Amino acid sequence: MTLKTILASISAVLFGGLTAFADSGVPKTYPLKTCVVSGEKLGEHGRPVKVTSEGTDVWLCCKSCVKDFNKEPGKFTGQVKAGTAKS
């Protein structure tokens, strides 16, 4: 192993959590950092899931939240448009 590889591995371990949101696939322009359904931080439960309703993309923390989102899509889409989420 080269020194460069070792340093890259250490950096990934130390700073990986800081870049989870940026690497999650959620666009930087998305107004929320948490799931509108659960209130959990996006990226903490693996890769966030994108659903689209009323022409608006909504990012959820996990697949489990899709079922609840589908019960009241207008409510959650409104939260994204307003830039607010469950806390």
Protein backbone atom coordinates (compact mmCIF):
# COMPACT_ATOMS: atom_id res chain seq x y z
CA MET A 1 0.00 0.00 0.00
CA THR A 2 1.27 3.45 -0.85
CA LEU A 3 1.24 6.39 1.48
CA LYS A 4 -1.28 8.10 -0.83
CA THR A 5 -3.65 5.13 -0.56
CA ILE A 6 -3.32 5.01 3.22
CA LEU A 7 -3.99 8.75 3.56
CA ALA A 8 -6.98 8.49 1.22
CA SER A 9 -8.41 5.66 3.32
CA ILE A 10 -7.93 7.59 6.56
CA SER A 11 -9.56 10.68 5.04
CA ALA A 12 -12.53 8.64 3.87
CA VAL A 13 -13.06 7.26 7.37
CA LEU A 14 -12.59 10.59 9.15
CA PHE A 15 -14.47 12.84 6.76
CA GLY A 16 -16.91 10.44 5.11
CA GLY A 17 -19.75 11.44 7.42
CA LEU A 18 -19.31 15.10 6.55
CA THR A 19 -19.88 14.48 2.86
CA ALA A 20 -22.76 12.02 3.20
CA PHE A 21 -25.38 14.57 2.16
CA ALA A 22 -23.39 15.80 -0.84
CA ASP A 23 -22.66 12.24 -2.00
CA SER A 24 -26.21 11.02 -1.38
CA GLY A 25 -27.52 12.09 -4.75
CA VAL A 26 -29.66 14.84 -3.27
CA PRO A 27 -29.07 18.03 -5.30
CA LYS A 28 -27.33 20.84 -3.44
CA THR A 29 -30.25 23.08 -4.42
CA TYR A 30 -32.78 20.90 -2.54
CA PRO A 31 -34.15 23.11 0.26
CA LEU A 32 -34.27 20.47 3.02
CA LYS A 33 -31.71 18.39 4.92
CA THR A 34 -34.27 16.09 6.55
CA CYS A 35 -36.98 13.72 5.36
CA VAL A 36 -40.44 15.34 5.24
CA VAL A 37 -42.04 12.08 6.41
CA SER A 38 -39.81 10.92 9.27
CA GLY A 39 -37.74 13.98 10.13
CA GLU A 40 -34.56 11.91 9.83
CA LYS A 41 -31.47 13.45 8.28
CA LEU A 42 -31.17 12.63 4.57
CA GLY A 43 -28.36 10.17 3.97
CA GLU A 44 -28.35 8.63 7.45
CA HIS A 45 -30.26 5.53 6.34
CA GLY A 46 -28.36 4.92 3.13
CA ARG A 47 -29.05 6.58 -0.17
CA PRO A 48 -32.17 8.80 -0.08
CA VAL A 49 -35.13 7.95 -2.30
CA LYS A 50 -36.57 10.47 -4.76
CA VAL A 51 -40.30 10.63 -5.44
CA THR A 52 -42.05 13.19 -7.61
CA SER A 53 -45.49 14.62 -6.98
CA GLU A 54 -47.20 17.65 -8.50
CA GLY A 55 -44.04 18.23 -10.56
CA THR A 56 -41.91 18.56 -7.43
CA ASP A 57 -39.08 16.20 -6.52
CA VAL A 58 -39.17 15.12 -2.88
CA TRP A 59 -36.26 13.28 -1.25
CA LEU A 60 -37.08 10.76 1.47
CA CYS A 61 -34.61 9.16 3.89
CA CYS A 62 -35.51 5.59 2.89
CA LYS A 63 -37.88 3.36 0.93
CA SER A 64 -39.99 2.81 4.04
CA CYS A 65 -41.15 6.43 3.92
CA VAL A 66 -42.58 6.12 0.40
CA LYS A 67 -45.75 4.39 1.66
CA ASP A 68 -46.48 7.20 4.14
CA PHE A 69 -45.60 9.83 1.54
CA ASN A 70 -48.14 8.32 -0.87
CA LYS A 71 -50.91 8.69 1.73
CA GLU A 72 -50.58 12.51 1.72
CA PRO A 73 -48.33 13.58 -1.17
CA GLY A 74 -49.74 17.11 -1.30
CA LYS A 75 -48.89 17.73 2.35
CA PHE A 76 -45.27 16.65 1.91
CA THR A 77 -44.83 18.37 -1.45
CA GLY A 78 -46.07 21.58 0.18
CA GLN A 79 -43.41 21.24 2.88
CA VAL A 80 -40.70 21.03 0.21
CA LYS A 81 -42.08 24.04 -1.65
CA ALA A 82 -42.17 25.97 1.63
CA GLY A 83 -38.69 24.76 2.57
CA THR A 84 -39.83 23.26 5.86
CA ALA A 85 -39.71 19.70 7.17
CA LYS A 86 -40.81 17.66 10.14
CA SER A 87 -38.37 18.06 13.00
